[in-house]
């Protein structure tokens, strides 16, 4: 009787520890949190590098606070583009650049990191011994492809003619 109880307990423990390790848990959705990212992207034959701060999502507003500070090319280094409470602004040092079109264009890469829509995981794969996921976010007007690390942090985000490579993500 005692051996039977021990065998049953061991069998249950084996099941408890075996099945969770077999289950493939999907990573968290990074868009649900505020984050900092160092990015690089190409657009129109030029390469741009920037640091991006994205604020916490708000249920009350449709937009998130974003600050994009360019580090390269040298002609744009120090240029800061921000969106706070839906108001876009472009500054270089103490100079305010009054151009809504410029702000919208510069923020395109940052907005690509936080698209609306549900994320669909397409594939799980390994590269150089590291786990990655391919995902997609689709809406009526566009489809965005994502490559995510094992924690769900973006490594590459692509849509139409722009691909954002994430160098660092916090």
Protein backbone atom coordinates (compact mmCIF):
# COMPACT_ATOMS: atom_id res chain seq x y z
CA UNK A 1 0.00 0.00 0.00
CA UNK A 2 2.80 2.38 0.94
CA UNK A 3 4.76 1.55 -2.24
CA UNK A 4 1.66 2.18 -4.31
CA UNK A 5 1.24 5.67 -2.80
CA UNK A 6 4.90 6.47 -3.44
CA UNK A 7 4.59 5.25 -7.03
CA UNK A 8 1.48 7.35 -7.54
CA UNK A 9 3.18 10.47 -6.10
CA UNK A 10 6.24 9.90 -8.28
CA UNK A 11 4.05 9.48 -11.36
CA UNK A 12 2.19 12.71 -10.59
CA UNK A 13 5.44 14.60 -10.03
CA UNK A 14 6.76 13.28 -13.32
CA UNK A 15 3.65 14.53 -15.10
CA UNK A 16 3.82 17.94 -13.43
CA UNK A 17 7.44 18.47 -14.41
CA UNK A 18 7.23 16.90 -17.87
CA UNK A 19 4.22 18.60 -19.46
CA UNK A 20 5.04 22.26 -18.72
CA UNK A 21 8.45 21.81 -20.35
CA UNK A 22 6.82 20.38 -23.49
CA UNK A 23 4.37 23.25 -23.81
CA UNK A 24 5.49 26.05 -26.13
CA UNK A 25 4.68 29.28 -24.34
CA UNK A 26 4.56 32.32 -26.55
CA UNK A 27 6.46 35.43 -25.48
CA UNK A 28 4.74 38.50 -24.04
CA UNK A 29 3.64 41.32 -26.34
CA UNK A 30 6.26 44.06 -25.90
CA UNK A 31 3.78 46.71 -27.10
CA UNK A 32 1.90 46.49 -23.81
CA UNK A 33 4.73 48.26 -21.95
CA UNK A 34 6.85 51.40 -22.15
CA UNK A 35 10.25 50.72 -23.73
CA UNK A 36 13.55 52.14 -24.96
CA UNK A 37 15.10 50.93 -28.21
CA UNK A 38 18.19 51.78 -30.19
CA UNK A 39 17.29 51.30 -33.86
CA UNK A 40 18.77 51.40 -37.34
CA UNK A 41 16.76 51.61 -40.53
CA UNK A 42 17.18 52.35 -44.19
CA UNK A 43 14.85 54.55 -46.13
CA UNK A 44 15.31 56.14 -49.53
CA UNK A 45 18.87 54.80 -49.80
CA UNK A 46 19.98 56.43 -46.52
CA UNK A 47 20.74 54.72 -43.21
CA UNK A 48 19.38 56.27 -40.02
CA UNK A 49 20.18 55.45 -36.40
CA UNK A 50 18.15 56.67 -33.47
CA UNK A 51 17.20 56.12 -29.86
CA UNK A 52 13.47 55.68 -29.25
CA UNK A 53 11.55 56.08 -26.00
CA UNK A 54 7.93 54.91 -26.13
CA UNK A 55 5.60 55.69 -23.25
CA UNK A 56 3.05 53.51 -21.55
CA UNK A 57 -0.08 52.77 -23.59
CA UNK A 58 -3.07 54.83 -22.53
CA UNK A 59 -6.67 53.67 -22.73
CA UNK A 60 -7.88 57.26 -22.88
CA UNK A 61 -5.77 58.33 -25.89
CA UNK A 62 -5.21 56.72 -29.28
CA UNK A 63 -1.54 57.78 -29.40
CA UNK A 64 1.44 56.99 -27.22
CA UNK A 65 4.14 59.41 -26.16
CA UNK A 66 7.25 58.90 -28.32
CA UNK A 67 10.66 60.54 -28.37
CA UNK A 68 13.02 59.75 -31.24
CA UNK A 69 16.57 61.15 -31.02
CA UNK A 70 18.75 60.66 -34.11
CA UNK A 71 22.39 59.62 -33.69
CA UNK A 72 23.24 59.14 -37.40
CA UNK A 73 23.76 60.29 -40.12
CA UNK A 74 25.84 63.20 -38.84
CA UNK A 75 23.55 65.71 -40.56
CA UNK A 76 20.65 64.57 -38.34
CA UNK A 77 22.59 63.80 -35.14
CA UNK A 78 20.87 65.54 -32.24
CA UNK A 79 17.58 66.01 -34.07
CA UNK A 80 14.75 65.12 -31.70
CA UNK A 81 11.24 64.29 -32.83
CA UNK A 82 8.55 63.80 -30.24
CA UNK A 83 4.88 63.10 -29.90
CA UNK A 84 3.32 63.97 -26.57
CA UNK A 85 -0.43 63.83 -25.99
CA UNK A 86 -0.87 63.59 -29.76
CA UNK A 87 1.15 66.77 -30.49
CA UNK A 88 4.19 66.26 -32.70
CA UNK A 89 7.31 68.39 -32.43
CA UNK A 90 10.73 68.53 -34.13
CA UNK A 91 13.69 70.20 -32.40
CA UNK A 92 17.40 70.58 -33.01
CA UNK A 93 19.06 71.97 -29.93
CA UNK A 94 16.97 74.98 -28.93
CA UNK A 95 15.53 75.43 -32.45
CA UNK A 96 11.90 74.42 -33.01
CA UNK A 97 11.21 73.18 -36.54
CA UNK A 98 7.59 73.84 -37.48
CA UNK A 99 6.73 71.03 -39.87
CA UNK A 100 4.00 68.52 -39.16
CA UNK A 101 4.94 66.58 -42.32
CA UNK A 102 8.58 66.28 -41.17
CA UNK A 103 7.50 65.11 -37.73
CA UNK A 104 5.15 62.52 -39.21
CA UNK A 105 7.86 61.26 -41.58
CA UNK A 106 10.52 61.05 -38.90
CA UNK A 107 8.17 59.24 -36.51
CA UNK A 108 7.33 56.59 -39.11
CA UNK A 109 10.04 54.18 -37.91
CA UNK A 110 9.07 54.64 -34.25
CA UNK A 111 5.39 54.10 -35.03
CA UNK A 112 6.30 50.94 -36.92
CA UNK A 113 7.47 49.50 -33.58
CA UNK A 114 4.01 49.98 -32.02
CA UNK A 115 1.41 49.06 -34.64
CA UNK A 116 -2.22 48.45 -33.73
CA UNK A 117 -3.67 44.99 -34.17
CA UNK A 118 -3.29 41.54 -32.74
CA UNK A 119 0.00 39.72 -33.14
CA UNK A 120 -0.13 36.34 -34.84
CA UNK A 121 2.83 34.04 -34.24
CA UNK A 122 3.79 32.35 -37.49
CA UNK A 123 6.90 30.34 -36.71
CA UNK A 124 9.34 29.48 -33.95
CA UNK A 125 12.94 28.94 -35.05
CA UNK A 126 16.50 28.71 -33.78
CA UNK A 127 19.43 30.67 -35.12
CA UNK A 128 22.96 30.28 -33.74
CA UNK A 129 21.51 28.40 -30.77
CA UNK A 130 19.08 31.22 -29.89
CA UNK A 131 15.28 31.01 -30.01
CA UNK A 132 13.35 33.48 -32.21
CA UNK A 133 9.77 33.93 -33.36
CA UNK A 134 8.34 35.21 -36.60
CA UNK A 135 5.11 37.11 -36.16
CA UNK A 136 2.74 39.26 -38.16
CA UNK A 137 0.34 42.09 -37.40
CA UNK A 138 -2.25 42.73 -40.09
CA UNK A 139 -4.77 45.50 -40.50
CA UNK A 140 -7.01 46.56 -43.35
CA UNK A 141 -4.32 48.73 -44.94
CA UNK A 142 -1.02 46.98 -44.17
CA UNK A 143 0.82 43.90 -42.96
CA UNK A 144 3.81 44.14 -40.62
CA UNK A 145 6.36 41.34 -40.26
CA UNK A 146 8.25 40.94 -37.00
CA UNK A 147 11.20 38.91 -35.81
CA UNK A 148 11.16 38.60 -32.01
CA UNK A 149 13.68 37.18 -29.56
CA UNK A 150 12.74 34.53 -26.99
CA UNK A 151 11.51 37.24 -24.58
CA UNK A 152 9.21 38.73 -27.21
CA UNK A 153 11.39 41.79 -27.82
CA UNK A 154 11.54 42.98 -31.42
CA UNK A 155 14.73 42.35 -33.39
CA UNK A 156 13.44 43.35 -36.83
CA UNK A 157 10.17 44.98 -37.94
CA UNK A 158 9.28 45.36 -41.64
CA UNK A 159 6.46 47.00 -43.55
CA UNK A 160 6.40 47.99 -47.22
CA UNK A 161 9.64 49.83 -48.00
CA UNK A 162 11.07 50.16 -44.48
CA UNK A 163 12.78 47.68 -42.15
CA UNK A 164 13.70 48.67 -38.62
CA UNK A 165 16.51 46.69 -36.99
CA UNK A 166 16.59 46.86 -33.20
CA UNK A 167 20.14 47.08 -31.88
CA UNK A 168 19.21 47.28 -28.19
CA UNK A 169 15.87 46.94 -26.42
CA UNK A 170 15.04 47.70 -22.78
